[in-house]
Amino acid sequence: MIRQYERTLWLLSNERNSASKNKKNIRAIQEMIPAITQSILLNSS
């Protein structure tokens, strides 16, 4: 029973870390969007 509890805590901790990494990755991508858009517009012209 204790092992199951420890495993559950470990899994929850991993989920939280993954969510944090995902938020950082999404933020980084969102910051790149204007530059990518500008590049596309320049290539189009």
PDB file of all heavy atoms in Angstrom:
ATOM      1  N   MET A   1       0.826  -1.207   0.000  1.00  0.00           N
ATOM      2  CA  MET A   1       0.000   0.000   0.000  1.00  0.00           C
ATOM      3  C   MET A   1       0.864   1.262   0.000  1.00  0.00           C
ATOM      4  O   MET A   1       0.589   2.194  -0.750  1.00  0.00           O
ATOM      5  CB  MET A   1      -0.918  -0.046   1.238  1.00  0.00           C
ATOM      6  CG  MET A   1      -1.959   1.027   1.252  1.00  0.00           C
ATOM      7  SD  MET A   1      -3.135   0.705  -0.061  1.00  0.00           S
ATOM      8  CE  MET A   1      -4.295   1.957   0.231  1.00  0.00           C
ATOM      9  N   ILE A   2       1.914   1.260   0.819  1.00  0.00           N
ATOM     10  CA  ILE A   2       2.813   2.414   0.861  1.00  0.00           C
ATOM     11  C   ILE A   2       3.515   2.583  -0.480  1.00  0.00           C
ATOM     12  O   ILE A   2       3.677   3.691  -0.973  1.00  0.00           O
ATOM     13  CB  ILE A   2       3.831   2.280   2.023  1.00  0.00           C
ATOM     14  CG1 ILE A   2       3.089   2.446   3.354  1.00  0.00           C
ATOM     15  CG2 ILE A   2       4.925   3.325   1.902  1.00  0.00           C
ATOM     16  CD1 ILE A   2       3.944   2.236   4.562  1.00  0.00           C
ATOM     17  N   ARG A   3       3.917   1.466  -1.083  1.00  0.00           N
ATOM     18  CA  ARG A   3       4.567   1.526  -2.400  1.00  0.00           C
ATOM     19  C   ARG A   3       3.647   2.186  -3.426  1.00  0.00           C
ATOM     20  O   ARG A   3       4.096   2.994  -4.235  1.00  0.00           O
ATOM     21  CB  ARG A   3       4.930   0.115  -2.880  1.00  0.00           C
ATOM     22  CG  ARG A   3       6.108  -0.462  -2.176  1.00  0.00           C
ATOM     23  CD  ARG A   3       7.249  -0.537  -3.180  1.00  0.00           C
ATOM     24  NE  ARG A   3       8.375  -1.218  -2.617  1.00  0.00           N
ATOM     25  CZ  ARG A   3       9.464  -0.606  -2.171  1.00  0.00           C
ATOM     26  NH1 ARG A   3       9.540   0.688  -2.225  1.00  0.00           N
ATOM     27  NH2 ARG A   3      10.462  -1.280  -1.684  1.00  0.00           N
ATOM     28  N   GLN A   4       2.371   1.803  -3.391  1.00  0.00           N
ATOM     29  CA  GLN A   4       1.405   2.383  -4.334  1.00  0.00           C
ATOM     30  C   GLN A   4       1.278   3.890  -4.102  1.00  0.00           C
ATOM     31  O   GLN A   4       1.223   4.670  -5.044  1.00  0.00           O
ATOM     32  CB  GLN A   4       0.037   1.694  -4.164  1.00  0.00           C
ATOM     33  CG  GLN A   4      -1.001   2.136  -5.172  1.00  0.00           C
ATOM     34  CD  GLN A   4      -0.609   1.812  -6.601  1.00  0.00           C
ATOM     35  OE1 GLN A   4       0.024   0.792  -6.867  1.00  0.00           O
ATOM     36  NE2 GLN A   4      -0.964   2.682  -7.528  1.00  0.00           N
ATOM     37  N   TYR A   5       1.251   4.286  -2.846  1.00  0.00           N
ATOM     38  CA  TYR A   5       1.160   5.706  -2.492  1.00  0.00           C
ATOM     39  C   TYR A   5       2.391   6.461  -2.998  1.00  0.00           C
ATOM     40  O   TYR A   5       2.281   7.521  -3.606  1.00  0.00           O
ATOM     41  CB  TYR A   5       1.029   5.832  -0.963  1.00  0.00           C
ATOM     42  CG  TYR A   5       0.996   7.248  -0.459  1.00  0.00           C
ATOM     43  CD1 TYR A   5      -0.118   8.045  -0.655  1.00  0.00           C
ATOM     44  CD2 TYR A   5       2.080   7.779   0.226  1.00  0.00           C
ATOM     45  CE1 TYR A   5      -0.158   9.350  -0.194  1.00  0.00           C
ATOM     46  CE2 TYR A   5       2.053   9.079   0.697  1.00  0.00           C
ATOM     47  CZ  TYR A   5       0.930   9.865   0.481  1.00  0.00           C
ATOM     48  OH  TYR A   5       0.906  11.151   0.940  1.00  0.00           O
ATOM     49  N   GLU A   6       3.584   5.874  -2.799  1.00  0.00           N
ATOM     50  CA  GLU A   6       4.824   6.496  -3.264  1.00  0.00           C
ATOM     51  C   GLU A   6       4.815   6.617  -4.784  1.00  0.00           C
ATOM     52  O   GLU A   6       5.210   7.638  -5.347  1.00  0.00           O
ATOM     53  CB  GLU A   6       6.039   5.681  -2.815  1.00  0.00           C
ATOM     54  CG  GLU A   6       6.337   5.782  -1.337  1.00  0.00           C
ATOM     55  CD  GLU A   6       7.429   4.816  -0.887  1.00  0.00           C
ATOM     56  OE1 GLU A   6       7.751   3.857  -1.632  1.00  0.00           O
ATOM     57  OE2 GLU A   6       7.947   5.020   0.219  1.00  0.00           O
ATOM     58  N   ARG A   7       4.359   5.569  -5.441  1.00  0.00           N
ATOM     59  CA  ARG A   7       4.303   5.594  -6.908  1.00  0.00           C
ATOM     60  C   ARG A   7       3.339   6.677  -7.402  1.00  0.00           C
ATOM     61  O   ARG A   7       3.634   7.393  -8.357  1.00  0.00           O
ATOM     62  CB  ARG A   7       3.893   4.220  -7.435  1.00  0.00           C
ATOM     63  CG  ARG A   7       3.775   4.161  -8.936  1.00  0.00           C
ATOM     64  CD  ARG A   7       3.893   2.752  -9.470  1.00  0.00           C
ATOM     65  NE  ARG A   7       3.588   2.678 -10.876  1.00  0.00           N
ATOM     66  CZ  ARG A   7       4.329   3.189 -11.855  1.00  0.00           C
ATOM     67  NH1 ARG A   7       5.434   3.825 -11.568  1.00  0.00           N
ATOM     68  NH2 ARG A   7       3.971   3.070 -13.127  1.00  0.00           N
ATOM     69  N   THR A   8       2.198   6.791  -6.737  1.00  0.00           N
ATOM     70  CA  THR A   8       1.218   7.818  -7.109  1.00  0.00           C
ATOM     71  C   THR A   8       1.815   9.213  -6.944  1.00  0.00           C
ATOM     72  O   THR A   8       1.668  10.072  -7.826  1.00  0.00           O
ATOM     73  CB  THR A   8      -0.053   7.671  -6.252  1.00  0.00           C
ATOM     74  OG1 THR A   8      -0.586   6.354  -6.438  1.00  0.00           O
ATOM     75  CG2 THR A   8      -1.105   8.684  -6.653  1.00  0.00           C
ATOM     76  N   LEU A   9       2.501   9.445  -5.837  1.00  0.00           N
ATOM     77  CA  LEU A   9       3.151  10.744  -5.624  1.00  0.00           C
ATOM     78  C   LEU A   9       4.196  11.009  -6.695  1.00  0.00           C
ATOM     79  O   LEU A   9       4.305  12.117  -7.210  1.00  0.00           O
ATOM     80  CB  LEU A   9       3.806  10.801  -4.233  1.00  0.00           C
ATOM     81  CG  LEU A   9       2.864  10.950  -3.051  1.00  0.00           C
ATOM     82  CD1 LEU A   9       3.662  10.938  -1.757  1.00  0.00           C
ATOM     83  CD2 LEU A   9       2.052  12.225  -3.155  1.00  0.00           C
ATOM     84  N   TRP A  10       4.959   9.983  -7.046  1.00  0.00           N
ATOM     85  CA  TRP A  10       5.993  10.119  -8.077  1.00  0.00           C
ATOM     86  C   TRP A  10       5.360  10.469  -9.425  1.00  0.00           C
ATOM     87  O   TRP A  10       5.829  11.359 -10.136  1.00  0.00           O
ATOM     88  CB  TRP A  10       6.789   8.813  -8.156  1.00  0.00           C
ATOM     89  CG  TRP A  10       7.872   8.835  -9.175  1.00  0.00           C
ATOM     90  CD1 TRP A  10       9.095   9.409  -9.045  1.00  0.00           C
ATOM     91  CD2 TRP A  10       7.833   8.264 -10.486  1.00  0.00           C
ATOM     92  NE1 TRP A  10       9.823   9.228 -10.204  1.00  0.00           N
ATOM     93  CE2 TRP A  10       9.074   8.529 -11.095  1.00  0.00           C
ATOM     94  CE3 TRP A  10       6.866   7.553 -11.194  1.00  0.00           C
ATOM     95  CZ2 TRP A  10       9.362   8.109 -12.383  1.00  0.00           C
ATOM     96  CZ3 TRP A  10       7.167   7.136 -12.478  1.00  0.00           C
ATOM     97  CH2 TRP A  10       8.407   7.418 -13.062  1.00  0.00           C
ATOM     98  N   LEU A  11       4.270   9.778  -9.757  1.00  0.00           N
ATOM     99  CA  LEU A  11       3.579  10.045 -11.026  1.00  0.00           C
ATOM    100  C   LEU A  11       3.016  11.461 -11.061  1.00  0.00           C
ATOM    101  O   LEU A  11       3.120  12.163 -12.074  1.00  0.00           O
ATOM    102  CB  LEU A  11       2.447   9.030 -11.245  1.00  0.00           C
ATOM    103  CG  LEU A  11       2.892   7.619 -11.630  1.00  0.00           C
ATOM    104  CD1 LEU A  11       1.712   6.667 -11.589  1.00  0.00           C
ATOM    105  CD2 LEU A  11       3.549   7.597 -12.986  1.00  0.00           C
ATOM    106  N   LEU A  12       2.429  11.890  -9.937  1.00  0.00           N
ATOM    107  CA  LEU A  12       1.889  13.251  -9.876  1.00  0.00           C
ATOM    108  C   LEU A  12       2.998  14.284 -10.037  1.00  0.00           C
ATOM    109  O   LEU A  12       2.834  15.292 -10.714  1.00  0.00           O
ATOM    110  CB  LEU A  12       1.150  13.473  -8.549  1.00  0.00           C
ATOM    111  CG  LEU A  12      -0.205  12.789  -8.428  1.00  0.00           C
ATOM    112  CD1 LEU A  12      -0.727  12.920  -7.007  1.00  0.00           C
ATOM    113  CD2 LEU A  12      -1.199  13.362  -9.416  1.00  0.00           C
ATOM    114  N   SER A  13       4.126  14.015  -9.427  1.00  0.00           N
ATOM    115  CA  SER A  13       5.267  14.919  -9.536  1.00  0.00           C
ATOM    116  C   SER A  13       5.730  15.004 -10.991  1.00  0.00           C
ATOM    117  O   SER A  13       6.007  16.085 -11.507  1.00  0.00           O
ATOM    118  CB  SER A  13       6.408  14.422  -8.643  1.00  0.00           C
ATOM    119  OG  SER A  13       7.570  15.153  -8.879  1.00  0.00           O
ATOM    120  N   ASN A  14       5.804  13.876 -11.658  1.00  0.00           N
ATOM    121  CA  ASN A  14       6.197  13.855 -13.072  1.00  0.00           C
ATOM    122  C   ASN A  14       5.202  14.614 -13.937  1.00  0.00           C
ATOM    123  O   ASN A  14       5.594  15.336 -14.858  1.00  0.00           O
ATOM    124  CB  ASN A  14       6.317  12.407 -13.586  1.00  0.00           C
ATOM    125  CG  ASN A  14       7.667  11.824 -13.277  1.00  0.00           C
ATOM    126  OD1 ASN A  14       8.527  12.502 -12.730  1.00  0.00           O
ATOM    127  ND2 ASN A  14       7.858  10.573 -13.612  1.00  0.00           N
ATOM    128  N   GLU A  15       3.908  14.437 -13.651  1.00  0.00           N
ATOM    129  CA  GLU A  15       2.875  15.148 -14.411  1.00  0.00           C
ATOM    130  C   GLU A  15       3.043  16.658 -14.259  1.00  0.00           C
ATOM    131  O   GLU A  15       2.949  17.404 -15.214  1.00  0.00           O
ATOM    132  CB  GLU A  15       1.469  14.730 -13.937  1.00  0.00           C
ATOM    133  CG  GLU A  15       1.035  13.380 -14.429  1.00  0.00           C
ATOM    134  CD  GLU A  15       0.922  13.314 -15.936  1.00  0.00           C
ATOM    135  OE1 GLU A  15       0.362  14.243 -16.543  1.00  0.00           O
ATOM    136  OE2 GLU A  15       1.408  12.328 -16.511  1.00  0.00           O
ATOM    137  N   ARG A  16       3.313  17.090 -13.039  1.00  0.00           N
ATOM    138  CA  ARG A  16       3.477  18.518 -12.779  1.00  0.00           C
ATOM    139  C   ARG A  16       4.694  19.053 -13.532  1.00  0.00           C
ATOM    140  O   ARG A  16       4.646  20.115 -14.127  1.00  0.00           O
ATOM    141  CB  ARG A  16       3.617  18.746 -11.264  1.00  0.00           C
ATOM    142  CG  ARG A  16       3.015  20.029 -10.801  1.00  0.00           C
ATOM    143  CD  ARG A  16       3.026  20.233  -9.303  1.00  0.00           C
ATOM    144  NE  ARG A  16       3.725  19.279  -8.513  1.00  0.00           N
ATOM    145  CZ  ARG A  16       3.165  18.440  -7.651  1.00  0.00           C
ATOM    146  NH1 ARG A  16       1.869  18.454  -7.478  1.00  0.00           N
ATOM    147  NH2 ARG A  16       3.883  17.600  -6.951  1.00  0.00           N
ATOM    148  N   ASN A  17       5.797  18.289 -13.503  1.00  0.00           N
ATOM    149  CA  ASN A  17       7.002  18.710 -14.222  1.00  0.00           C
ATOM    150  C   ASN A  17       6.754  18.775 -15.723  1.00  0.00           C
ATOM    151  O   ASN A  17       7.206  19.706 -16.395  1.00  0.00           O
ATOM    152  CB  ASN A  17       8.166  17.764 -13.929  1.00  0.00           C
ATOM    153  CG  ASN A  17       8.701  17.925 -12.522  1.00  0.00           C
ATOM    154  OD1 ASN A  17       8.478  18.944 -11.881  1.00  0.00           O
ATOM    155  ND2 ASN A  17       9.389  16.919 -12.027  1.00  0.00           N
ATOM    156  N   SER A  18       6.036  17.793 -16.257  1.00  0.00           N
ATOM    157  CA  SER A  18       5.730  17.779 -17.687  1.00  0.00           C
ATOM    158  C   SER A  18       4.870  18.970 -18.065  1.00  0.00           C
ATOM    159  O   SER A  18       5.094  19.615 -19.091  1.00  0.00           O
ATOM    160  CB  SER A  18       5.006  16.482 -18.072  1.00  0.00           C
ATOM    161  OG  SER A  18       5.893  15.400 -17.978  1.00  0.00           O
ATOM    162  N   ALA A  19       3.884  19.276 -17.229  1.00  0.00           N
ATOM    163  CA  ALA A  19       3.006  20.413 -17.510  1.00  0.00           C
ATOM    164  C   ALA A  19       3.805  21.708 -17.516  1.00  0.00           C
ATOM    165  O   ALA A  19       3.608  22.570 -18.372  1.00  0.00           O
ATOM    166  CB  ALA A  19       1.884  20.474 -16.478  1.00  0.00           C
ATOM    167  N   SER A  20       4.738  21.830 -16.591  1.00  0.00           N
ATOM    168  CA  SER A  20       5.572  23.029 -16.518  1.00  0.00           C
ATOM    169  C   SER A  20       6.448  23.153 -17.765  1.00  0.00           C
ATOM    170  O   SER A  20       6.561  24.225 -18.359  1.00  0.00           O
ATOM    171  CB  SER A  20       6.439  22.979 -15.266  1.00  0.00           C
ATOM    172  OG  SER A  20       7.305  24.069 -15.219  1.00  0.00           O
ATOM    173  N   LYS A  21       7.040  22.042 -18.189  1.00  0.00           N
ATOM    174  CA  LYS A  21       7.870  22.055 -19.400  1.00  0.00           C
ATOM    175  C   LYS A  21       7.028  22.395 -20.625  1.00  0.00           C
ATOM    176  O   LYS A  21       7.462  23.150 -21.495  1.00  0.00           O
ATOM    177  CB  LYS A  21       8.545  20.699 -19.595  1.00  0.00           C
ATOM    178  CG  LYS A  21       9.694  20.451 -18.654  1.00  0.00           C
ATOM    179  CD  LYS A  21      10.306  19.082 -18.882  1.00  0.00           C
ATOM    180  CE  LYS A  21      11.333  18.753 -17.819  1.00  0.00           C
ATOM    181  NZ  LYS A  21      11.809  17.380 -17.924  1.00  0.00           N
ATOM    182  N   ASN A  22       5.820  21.825 -20.686  1.00  0.00           N
ATOM    183  CA  ASN A  22       4.941  22.101 -21.823  1.00  0.00           C
ATOM    184  C   ASN A  22       4.588  23.575 -21.891  1.00  0.00           C
ATOM    185  O   ASN A  22       4.579  24.167 -22.971  1.00  0.00           O
ATOM    186  CB  ASN A  22       3.663  21.259 -21.742  1.00  0.00           C
ATOM    187  CG  ASN A  22       3.909  19.807 -22.087  1.00  0.00           C
ATOM    188  OD1 ASN A  22       4.920  19.468 -22.675  1.00  0.00           O
ATOM    189  ND2 ASN A  22       2.992  18.944 -21.703  1.00  0.00           N
ATOM    190  N   LYS A  23       4.294  24.176 -20.732  1.00  0.00           N
ATOM    191  CA  LYS A  23       3.969  25.611 -20.715  1.00  0.00           C
ATOM    192  C   LYS A  23       5.142  26.435 -21.214  1.00  0.00           C
ATOM    193  O   LYS A  23       4.969  27.379 -21.972  1.00  0.00           O
ATOM    194  CB  LYS A  23       3.597  26.049 -19.291  1.00  0.00           C
ATOM    195  CG  LYS A  23       2.218  25.641 -18.863  1.00  0.00           C
ATOM    196  CD  LYS A  23       1.935  26.125 -17.449  1.00  0.00           C
ATOM    197  CE  LYS A  23       0.625  25.590 -16.948  1.00  0.00           C
ATOM    198  NZ  LYS A  23       0.398  25.907 -15.531  1.00  0.00           N
ATOM    199  N   LYS A  24       6.356  26.058 -20.797  1.00  0.00           N
ATOM    200  CA  LYS A  24       7.547  26.794 -21.252  1.00  0.00           C
ATOM    201  C   LYS A  24       7.731  26.638 -22.751  1.00  0.00           C
ATOM    202  O   LYS A  24       8.054  27.599 -23.449  1.00  0.00           O
ATOM    203  CB  LYS A  24       8.793  26.302 -20.507  1.00  0.00           C
ATOM    204  CG  LYS A  24       8.841  26.745 -19.065  1.00  0.00           C
ATOM    205  CD  LYS A  24      10.051  26.190 -18.358  1.00  0.00           C
ATOM    206  CE  LYS A  24      10.018  26.527 -16.881  1.00  0.00           C
ATOM    207  NZ  LYS A  24      11.060  25.832 -16.137  1.00  0.00           N
ATOM    208  N   ASN A  25       7.525  25.421 -23.264  1.00  0.00           N
ATOM    209  CA  ASN A  25       7.673  25.183 -24.701  1.00  0.00           C
ATOM    210  C   ASN A  25       6.634  25.971 -25.497  1.00  0.00           C
ATOM    211  O   ASN A  25       6.951  26.570 -26.524  1.00  0.00           O
ATOM    212  CB  ASN A  25       7.545  23.689 -25.021  1.00  0.00           C
ATOM    213  CG  ASN A  25       8.749  22.903 -24.556  1.00  0.00           C
ATOM    214  OD1 ASN A  25       9.809  23.468 -24.332  1.00  0.00           O
ATOM    215  ND2 ASN A  25       8.589  21.607 -24.408  1.00  0.00           N
ATOM    216  N   ILE A  26       5.398  25.974 -25.002  1.00  0.00           N
ATOM    217  CA  ILE A  26       4.333  26.713 -25.687  1.00  0.00           C
ATOM    218  C   ILE A  26       4.660  28.201 -25.701  1.00  0.00           C
ATOM    219  O   ILE A  26       4.513  28.880 -26.712  1.00  0.00           O
ATOM    220  CB  ILE A  26       2.962  26.443 -25.017  1.00  0.00           C
ATOM    221  CG1 ILE A  26       2.527  25.002 -25.315  1.00  0.00           C
ATOM    222  CG2 ILE A  26       1.915  27.442 -25.490  1.00  0.00           C
ATOM    223  CD1 ILE A  26       1.343  24.532 -24.503  1.00  0.00           C
ATOM    224  N   ARG A  27       5.135  28.710 -24.559  1.00  0.00           N
ATOM    225  CA  ARG A  27       5.483  30.134 -24.475  1.00  0.00           C
ATOM    226  C   ARG A  27       6.600  30.465 -25.470  1.00  0.00           C
ATOM    227  O   ARG A  27       6.542  31.475 -26.164  1.00  0.00           O
ATOM    228  CB  ARG A  27       5.928  30.474 -23.044  1.00  0.00           C
ATOM    229  CG  ARG A  27       5.786  31.939 -22.724  1.00  0.00           C
ATOM    230  CD  ARG A  27       5.995  32.243 -21.246  1.00  0.00           C
ATOM    231  NE  ARG A  27       5.085  31.524 -20.384  1.00  0.00           N
ATOM    232  CZ  ARG A  27       5.455  30.713 -19.387  1.00  0.00           C
ATOM    233  NH1 ARG A  27       6.720  30.540 -19.107  1.00  0.00           N
ATOM    234  NH2 ARG A  27       4.576  30.095 -18.654  1.00  0.00           N
ATOM    235  N   ALA A  28       7.591  29.591 -25.564  1.00  0.00           N
ATOM    236  CA  ALA A  28       8.704  29.826 -26.498  1.00  0.00           C
ATOM    237  C   ALA A  28       8.196  29.839 -27.937  1.00  0.00           C
ATOM    238  O   ALA A  28       8.607  30.686 -28.738  1.00  0.00           O
ATOM    239  CB  ALA A  28       9.768  28.750 -26.320  1.00  0.00           C
ATOM    240  N   ILE A  29       7.309  28.921 -28.263  1.00  0.00           N
ATOM    241  CA  ILE A  29       6.753  28.870 -29.622  1.00  0.00           C
ATOM    242  C   ILE A  29       5.941  30.127 -29.902  1.00  0.00           C
ATOM    243  O   ILE A  29       6.059  30.732 -30.980  1.00  0.00           O
ATOM    244  CB  ILE A  29       5.889  27.598 -29.806  1.00  0.00           C
ATOM    245  CG1 ILE A  29       6.802  26.364 -29.800  1.00  0.00           C
ATOM    246  CG2 ILE A  29       5.075  27.666 -31.095  1.00  0.00           C
ATOM    247  CD1 ILE A  29       6.069  25.055 -29.693  1.00  0.00           C
ATOM    248  N   GLN A  30       5.128  30.548 -28.914  1.00  0.00           N
ATOM    249  CA  GLN A  30       4.323  31.751 -29.104  1.00  0.00           C
ATOM    250  C   GLN A  30       5.214  32.973 -29.343  1.00  0.00           C
ATOM    251  O   GLN A  30       4.860  33.854 -30.125  1.00  0.00           O
ATOM    252  CB  GLN A  30       3.419  31.991 -27.892  1.00  0.00           C
ATOM    253  CG  GLN A  30       2.258  31.021 -27.822  1.00  0.00           C
ATOM    254  CD  GLN A  30       1.474  31.134 -26.536  1.00  0.00           C
ATOM    255  OE1 GLN A  30       2.007  31.503 -25.498  1.00  0.00           O
ATOM    256  NE2 GLN A  30       0.202  30.800 -26.601  1.00  0.00           N
ATOM    257  N   GLU A  31       6.349  33.005 -28.686  1.00  0.00           N
ATOM    258  CA  GLU A  31       7.263  34.128 -28.882  1.00  0.00           C
ATOM    259  C   GLU A  31       7.906  34.104 -30.269  1.00  0.00           C
ATOM    260  O   GLU A  31       8.303  35.140 -30.789  1.00  0.00           O
ATOM    261  CB  GLU A  31       8.340  34.124 -27.788  1.00  0.00           C
ATOM    262  CG  GLU A  31       7.802  34.508 -26.418  1.00  0.00           C
ATOM    263  CD  GLU A  31       8.806  34.325 -25.297  1.00  0.00           C
ATOM    264  OE1 GLU A  31       9.964  33.955 -25.564  1.00  0.00           O
ATOM    265  OE2 GLU A  31       8.423  34.548 -24.143  1.00  0.00           O
ATOM    266  N   MET A  32       8.012  32.920 -30.859  1.00  0.00           N
ATOM    267  CA  MET A  32       8.620  32.804 -32.194  1.00  0.00           C
ATOM    268  C   MET A  32       7.645  33.124 -33.322  1.00  0.00           C
ATOM    269  O   MET A  32       8.063  33.436 -34.435  1.00  0.00           O
ATOM    270  CB  MET A  32       9.161  31.384 -32.409  1.00  0.00           C
ATOM    271  CG  MET A  32      10.413  31.079 -31.640  1.00  0.00           C
ATOM    272  SD  MET A  32      11.134  29.507 -32.146  1.00  0.00           S
ATOM    273  CE  MET A  32      10.040  28.333 -31.394  1.00  0.00           C
ATOM    274  N   ILE A  33       6.348  33.054 -33.048  1.00  0.00           N
ATOM    275  CA  ILE A  33       5.345  33.222 -34.103  1.00  0.00           C
ATOM    276  C   ILE A  33       5.493  34.539 -34.871  1.00  0.00           C
ATOM    277  O   ILE A  33       5.460  34.529 -36.103  1.00  0.00           O
ATOM    278  CB  ILE A  33       3.911  33.014 -33.547  1.00  0.00           C
ATOM    279  CG1 ILE A  33       3.715  31.530 -33.236  1.00  0.00           C
ATOM    280  CG2 ILE A  33       2.855  33.509 -34.527  1.00  0.00           C
ATOM    281  CD1 ILE A  33       2.418  31.195 -32.543  1.00  0.00           C
ATOM    282  N   PRO A  34       5.677  35.689 -34.201  1.00  0.00           N
ATOM    283  CA  PRO A  34       5.822  36.930 -34.978  1.00  0.00           C
ATOM    284  C   PRO A  34       7.009  36.892 -35.948  1.00  0.00           C
ATOM    285  O   PRO A  34       6.884  37.339 -37.087  1.00  0.00           O
ATOM    286  CB  PRO A  34       6.031  38.000 -33.900  1.00  0.00           C
ATOM    287  CG  PRO A  34       5.385  37.439 -32.679  1.00  0.00           C
ATOM    288  CD  PRO A  34       5.621  35.960 -32.763  1.00  0.00           C
ATOM    289  N   ALA A  35       8.129  36.348 -35.509  1.00  0.00           N
ATOM    290  CA  ALA A  35       9.299  36.271 -36.391  1.00  0.00           C
ATOM    291  C   ALA A  35       9.037  35.331 -37.567  1.00  0.00           C
ATOM    292  O   ALA A  35       9.430  35.618 -38.698  1.00  0.00           O
ATOM    293  CB  ALA A  35      10.521  35.806 -35.601  1.00  0.00           C
ATOM    294  N   ILE A  36       8.367  34.238 -37.303  1.00  0.00           N
ATOM    295  CA  ILE A  36       8.048  33.282 -38.376  1.00  0.00           C
ATOM    296  C   ILE A  36       7.088  33.931 -39.371  1.00  0.00           C
ATOM    297  O   ILE A  36       7.271  33.829 -40.588  1.00  0.00           O
ATOM    298  CB  ILE A  36       7.438  31.984 -37.786  1.00  0.00           C
ATOM    299  CG1 ILE A  36       8.496  31.237 -36.969  1.00  0.00           C
ATOM    300  CG2 ILE A  36       6.870  31.096 -38.881  1.00  0.00           C
ATOM    301  CD1 ILE A  36       7.958  30.111 -36.125  1.00  0.00           C
ATOM    302  N   THR A  37       6.086  34.627 -38.845  1.00  0.00           N
ATOM    303  CA  THR A  37       5.118  35.319 -39.713  1.00  0.00           C
ATOM    304  C   THR A  37       5.833  36.351 -40.575  1.00  0.00           C
ATOM    305  O   THR A  37       5.582  36.450 -41.783  1.00  0.00           O
ATOM    306  CB  THR A  37       4.030  36.000 -38.855  1.00  0.00           C
ATOM    307  OG1 THR A  37       3.417  35.010 -38.032  1.00  0.00           O
ATOM    308  CG2 THR A  37       2.989  36.668 -39.709  1.00  0.00           C
ATOM    309  N   GLN A  38       6.717  37.116 -39.961  1.00  0.00           N
ATOM    310  CA  GLN A  38       7.472  38.137 -40.700  1.00  0.00           C
ATOM    311  C   GLN A  38       8.298  37.498 -41.812  1.00  0.00           C
ATOM    312  O   GLN A  38       8.343  37.991 -42.929  1.00  0.00           O
ATOM    313  CB  GLN A  38       8.378  38.912 -39.735  1.00  0.00           C
ATOM    314  CG  GLN A  38       9.058  40.095 -40.358  1.00  0.00           C
ATOM    315  CD  GLN A  38       8.072  41.165 -40.802  1.00  0.00           C
ATOM    316  OE1 GLN A  38       7.034  41.351 -40.206  1.00  0.00           O
ATOM    317  NE2 GLN A  38       8.394  41.853 -41.872  1.00  0.00           N
ATOM    318  N   SER A  39       8.914  36.373 -41.499  1.00  0.00           N
ATOM    319  CA  SER A  39       9.730  35.662 -42.483  1.00  0.00           C
ATOM    320  C   SER A  39       8.874  35.191 -43.660  1.00  0.00           C
ATOM    321  O   SER A  39       9.274  35.312 -44.815  1.00  0.00           O
ATOM    322  CB  SER A  39      10.418  34.475 -41.807  1.00  0.00           C
ATOM    323  OG  SER A  39      11.107  33.709 -42.746  1.00  0.00           O
ATOM    324  N   ILE A  40       7.703  34.678 -43.351  1.00  0.00           N
ATOM    325  CA  ILE A  40       6.797  34.215 -44.411  1.00  0.00           C
ATOM    326  C   ILE A  40       6.380  35.392 -45.301  1.00  0.00           C
ATOM    327  O   ILE A  40       6.368  35.283 -46.523  1.00  0.00           O
ATOM    328  CB  ILE A  40       5.551  33.520 -43.803  1.00  0.00           C
ATOM    329  CG1 ILE A  40       5.968  32.185 -43.165  1.00  0.00           C
ATOM    330  CG2 ILE A  40       4.471  33.302 -44.851  1.00  0.00           C
ATOM    331  CD1 ILE A  40       4.908  31.542 -42.308  1.00  0.00           C
ATOM    332  N   LEU A  41       6.052  36.514 -44.661  1.00  0.00           N
ATOM    333  CA  LEU A  41       5.646  37.693 -45.436  1.00  0.00           C
ATOM    334  C   LEU A  41       6.778  38.186 -46.327  1.00  0.00           C
ATOM    335  O   LEU A  41       6.558  38.546 -47.483  1.00  0.00           O
ATOM    336  CB  LEU A  41       5.180  38.810 -44.495  1.00  0.00           C
ATOM    337  CG  LEU A  41       3.868  38.542 -43.755  1.00  0.00           C
ATOM    338  CD1 LEU A  41       3.606  39.637 -42.736  1.00  0.00           C
ATOM    339  CD2 LEU A  41       2.709  38.414 -44.734  1.00  0.00           C
ATOM    340  N   LEU A  42       8.000  38.191 -45.788  1.00  0.00           N
ATOM    341  CA  LEU A  42       9.141  38.626 -46.589  1.00  0.00           C
ATOM    342  C   LEU A  42       9.364  37.683 -47.766  1.00  0.00           C
ATOM    343  O   LEU A  42       9.602  38.123 -48.889  1.00  0.00           O
ATOM    344  CB  LEU A  42      10.400  38.693 -45.729  1.00  0.00           C
ATOM    345  CG  LEU A  42      10.456  39.855 -44.731  1.00  0.00           C
ATOM    346  CD1 LEU A  42      11.671  39.708 -43.832  1.00  0.00           C
ATOM    347  CD2 LEU A  42      10.484  41.182 -45.461  1.00  0.00           C
ATOM    348  N   ASN A  43       9.261  36.373 -47.511  1.00  0.00           N
ATOM    349  CA  ASN A  43       9.435  35.406 -48.602  1.00  0.00           C
ATOM    350  C   ASN A  43       8.354  35.576 -49.656  1.00  0.00           C
ATOM    351  O   ASN A  43       8.623  35.475 -50.848  1.00  0.00           O
ATOM    352  CB  ASN A  43       9.420  33.977 -48.058  1.00  0.00           C
ATOM    353  CG  ASN A  43      10.696  33.649 -47.307  1.00  0.00           C
ATOM    354  OD1 ASN A  43      11.732  34.243 -47.548  1.00  0.00           O
ATOM    355  ND2 ASN A  43      10.613  32.717 -46.380  1.00  0.00           N
ATOM    356  N   SER A  44       7.133  35.855 -49.215  1.00  0.00           N
ATOM    357  CA  SER A  44       6.030  36.058 -50.158  1.00  0.00           C
ATOM    358  C   SER A  44       6.297  37.268 -51.042  1.00  0.00           C
ATOM    359  O   SER A  44       6.074  37.227 -52.251  1.00  0.00           O
ATOM    360  CB  SER A  44       4.710  36.256 -49.409  1.00  0.00           C
ATOM    361  OG  SER A  44       4.416  35.125 -48.640  1.00  0.00           O
ATOM    362  N   SER A  45       6.761  38.347 -50.436  1.00  0.00           N
ATOM    363  CA  SER A  45       7.015  39.544 -51.238  1.00  0.00           C
ATOM    364  C   SER A  45       8.186  39.315 -52.190  1.00  0.00           C
ATOM    365  O   SER A  45       8.183  39.822 -53.312  1.00  0.00           O
ATOM    366  CB  SER A  45       7.258  40.763 -50.344  1.00  0.00           C
ATOM    367  OG  SER A  45       8.417  40.591 -49.573  1.00  0.00           O
TER     368      SER A  45
END
